[in-house]
């Protein structure tokens, strides 16, 4: 679905219920001198914020899985954003403003 400097987001599905989620896999930095991966305290801060925030305009964090090299966050899947990215269509200004209001309003 999307990749950035330290993370990859993929669509995933619960095996029993079929419900879809977003799985954000974040690479952990292996050493303090390394420039690859996110620092553990940054990942922990993101998890903490998502755990504390309970608002309709902020994605919901459902689960956190940690391995030696990665931390994977299971998040609410925001389908309309994915559909817009896949079509490659430019957003109209009023739609962009609506999303900006939804993002900033909780703050």
C-alpha atoms as a PDB file:
ATOM      1  CA  UNK A   1       0.000   0.000   0.000  1.00  0.00           C
ATOM      2  CA  UNK A   2       2.612   2.556   1.044  1.00  0.00           C
ATOM      3  CA  UNK A   3       6.243   2.695   2.128  1.00  0.00           C
ATOM      4  CA  UNK A   4       8.330   5.384   3.743  1.00  0.00           C
ATOM      5  CA  UNK A   5      11.812   5.833   5.136  1.00  0.00           C
ATOM      6  CA  UNK A   6      11.327   3.535   8.156  1.00  0.00           C
ATOM      7  CA  UNK A   7       8.011   1.752   7.600  1.00  0.00           C
ATOM      8  CA  UNK A   8       5.862  -0.192   5.155  1.00  0.00           C
ATOM      9  CA  UNK A   9       2.057  -0.271   5.372  1.00  0.00           C
ATOM     10  CA  UNK A  10       0.205  -3.265   3.985  1.00  0.00           C
ATOM     11  CA  UNK A  11      -3.411  -4.310   3.960  1.00  0.00           C
ATOM     12  CA  UNK A  12      -4.055  -7.397   6.091  1.00  0.00           C
ATOM     13  CA  UNK A  13      -7.067  -9.530   6.950  1.00  0.00           C
ATOM     14  CA  UNK A  14      -8.103 -11.286  10.159  1.00  0.00           C
ATOM     15  CA  UNK A  15      -8.156 -15.009   9.337  1.00  0.00           C
ATOM     16  CA  UNK A  16     -11.301 -15.805  11.342  1.00  0.00           C
ATOM     17  CA  UNK A  17     -13.485 -12.729  10.803  1.00  0.00           C
ATOM     18  CA  UNK A  18     -12.243 -11.541   7.397  1.00  0.00           C
ATOM     19  CA  UNK A  19     -12.070  -7.966   8.719  1.00  0.00           C
ATOM     20  CA  UNK A  20      -9.423  -5.850   6.985  1.00  0.00           C
ATOM     21  CA  UNK A  21      -6.775  -3.756   8.739  1.00  0.00           C
ATOM     22  CA  UNK A  22      -3.623  -1.803   7.930  1.00  0.00           C
ATOM     23  CA  UNK A  23      -0.379  -3.392   9.160  1.00  0.00           C
ATOM     24  CA  UNK A  24       2.386  -0.810   9.623  1.00  0.00           C
ATOM     25  CA  UNK A  25       5.773  -2.537   9.953  1.00  0.00           C
ATOM     26  CA  UNK A  26       8.427  -0.212  11.371  1.00  0.00           C
ATOM     27  CA  UNK A  27      12.112  -1.166  11.152  1.00  0.00           C
ATOM     28  CA  UNK A  28      13.886  -0.787  14.496  1.00  0.00           C
ATOM     29  CA  UNK A  29      17.273   0.901  14.578  1.00  0.00           C
ATOM     30  CA  UNK A  30      19.872  -1.776  15.399  1.00  0.00           C
ATOM     31  CA  UNK A  31      22.365   0.506  17.132  1.00  0.00           C
ATOM     32  CA  UNK A  32      22.528   4.118  18.251  1.00  0.00           C
ATOM     33  CA  UNK A  33      25.142   4.862  15.587  1.00  0.00           C
ATOM     34  CA  UNK A  34      23.029   3.392  12.775  1.00  0.00           C
ATOM     35  CA  UNK A  35      21.016   5.688  10.531  1.00  0.00           C
ATOM     36  CA  UNK A  36      18.687   2.927   9.307  1.00  0.00           C
ATOM     37  CA  UNK A  37      15.406   2.327  11.078  1.00  0.00           C
ATOM     38  CA  UNK A  38      13.449   4.255  13.674  1.00  0.00           C
ATOM     39  CA  UNK A  39      14.656   4.720  17.225  1.00  0.00           C
ATOM     40  CA  UNK A  40      12.759   2.591  19.722  1.00  0.00           C
ATOM     41  CA  UNK A  41      11.642   5.586  21.808  1.00  0.00           C
ATOM     42  CA  UNK A  42      10.057   7.145  18.682  1.00  0.00           C
ATOM     43  CA  UNK A  43       8.130   3.939  18.009  1.00  0.00           C
ATOM     44  CA  UNK A  44       7.057   3.742  21.650  1.00  0.00           C
ATOM     45  CA  UNK A  45       5.866   7.370  21.503  1.00  0.00           C
ATOM     46  CA  UNK A  46       3.755   6.633  18.419  1.00  0.00           C
ATOM     47  CA  UNK A  47       2.214   3.593  20.119  1.00  0.00           C
ATOM     48  CA  UNK A  48       1.567   5.615  23.283  1.00  0.00           C
ATOM     49  CA  UNK A  49      -0.154   8.434  21.389  1.00  0.00           C
ATOM     50  CA  UNK A  50      -2.320   6.076  19.353  1.00  0.00           C
ATOM     51  CA  UNK A  51      -3.267   4.192  22.526  1.00  0.00           C
ATOM     52  CA  UNK A  52      -4.265   7.372  24.380  1.00  0.00           C
ATOM     53  CA  UNK A  53      -6.167   9.032  21.524  1.00  0.00           C
ATOM     54  CA  UNK A  54      -9.762   7.965  21.072  1.00  0.00           C
ATOM     55  CA  UNK A  55     -11.242  10.175  18.377  1.00  0.00           C
ATOM     56  CA  UNK A  56     -13.213   9.464  15.217  1.00  0.00           C
ATOM     57  CA  UNK A  57     -10.632  11.360  13.113  1.00  0.00           C
ATOM     58  CA  UNK A  58      -7.620   9.388  14.376  1.00  0.00           C
ATOM     59  CA  UNK A  59      -6.969   5.813  13.244  1.00  0.00           C
ATOM     60  CA  UNK A  60      -7.499   3.181  15.915  1.00  0.00           C
ATOM     61  CA  UNK A  61      -4.579   1.031  17.072  1.00  0.00           C
ATOM     62  CA  UNK A  62      -5.736  -2.558  17.655  1.00  0.00           C
ATOM     63  CA  UNK A  63      -2.568  -4.599  18.258  1.00  0.00           C
ATOM     64  CA  UNK A  64       1.222  -4.241  18.504  1.00  0.00           C
ATOM     65  CA  UNK A  65       3.623  -7.046  17.591  1.00  0.00           C
ATOM     66  CA  UNK A  66       7.370  -6.823  18.143  1.00  0.00           C
ATOM     67  CA  UNK A  67      10.143  -8.935  16.676  1.00  0.00           C
ATOM     68  CA  UNK A  68      13.918  -8.566  16.781  1.00  0.00           C
ATOM     69  CA  UNK A  69      14.018  -6.189  13.815  1.00  0.00           C
ATOM     70  CA  UNK A  70      10.503  -4.739  13.524  1.00  0.00           C
ATOM     71  CA  UNK A  71       7.478  -3.422  15.363  1.00  0.00           C
ATOM     72  CA  UNK A  72       4.166  -4.005  13.575  1.00  0.00           C
ATOM     73  CA  UNK A  73       1.119  -1.896  14.383  1.00  0.00           C
ATOM     74  CA  UNK A  74      -2.301  -3.240  13.413  1.00  0.00           C
ATOM     75  CA  UNK A  75      -4.391  -0.178  12.618  1.00  0.00           C
ATOM     76  CA  UNK A  76      -7.822   0.753  11.375  1.00  0.00           C
ATOM     77  CA  UNK A  77      -7.913   0.634   7.564  1.00  0.00           C
ATOM     78  CA  UNK A  78      -8.907   3.951   6.015  1.00  0.00           C
ATOM     79  CA  UNK A  79     -10.454   2.708   2.764  1.00  0.00           C
ATOM     80  CA  UNK A  80     -11.442   5.975   1.043  1.00  0.00           C
ATOM     81  CA  UNK A  81      -7.835   7.247   1.158  1.00  0.00           C
ATOM     82  CA  UNK A  82      -6.591   4.001  -0.384  1.00  0.00           C
ATOM     83  CA  UNK A  83      -9.168   4.200  -3.188  1.00  0.00           C
ATOM     84  CA  UNK A  84      -8.076   7.755  -4.037  1.00  0.00           C
ATOM     85  CA  UNK A  85      -4.389   6.728  -4.163  1.00  0.00           C
ATOM     86  CA  UNK A  86      -5.080   3.721  -6.392  1.00  0.00           C
ATOM     87  CA  UNK A  87      -7.000   5.691  -8.991  1.00  0.00           C
ATOM     88  CA  UNK A  88      -4.182   8.229  -9.215  1.00  0.00           C
ATOM     89  CA  UNK A  89      -6.713  11.024  -9.517  1.00  0.00           C
ATOM     90  CA  UNK A  90      -5.844  14.428  -8.187  1.00  0.00           C
ATOM     91  CA  UNK A  91      -7.992  15.477  -5.259  1.00  0.00           C
ATOM     92  CA  UNK A  92     -10.164  18.492  -5.627  1.00  0.00           C
ATOM     93  CA  UNK A  93      -9.340  21.363  -3.259  1.00  0.00           C
ATOM     94  CA  UNK A  94     -12.552  21.098  -1.228  1.00  0.00           C
ATOM     95  CA  UNK A  95     -11.837  17.402  -0.519  1.00  0.00           C
ATOM     96  CA  UNK A  96      -8.287  18.205   0.591  1.00  0.00           C
ATOM     97  CA  UNK A  97      -9.585  20.965   2.892  1.00  0.00           C
ATOM     98  CA  UNK A  98     -12.145  18.572   4.373  1.00  0.00           C
ATOM     99  CA  UNK A  99      -9.397  16.052   5.183  1.00  0.00           C
ATOM    100  CA  UNK A 100      -7.214  18.800   6.670  1.00  0.00           C
ATOM    101  CA  UNK A 101     -10.056  19.876   8.957  1.00  0.00           C
ATOM    102  CA  UNK A 102     -10.606  16.253  10.017  1.00  0.00           C
ATOM    103  CA  UNK A 103      -6.923  15.871  10.815  1.00  0.00           C
ATOM    104  CA  UNK A 104      -6.469  19.152  12.674  1.00  0.00           C
ATOM    105  CA  UNK A 105      -9.816  19.232  14.498  1.00  0.00           C
ATOM    106  CA  UNK A 106      -8.796  16.734  17.250  1.00  0.00           C
ATOM    107  CA  UNK A 107      -5.768  18.859  18.115  1.00  0.00           C
END
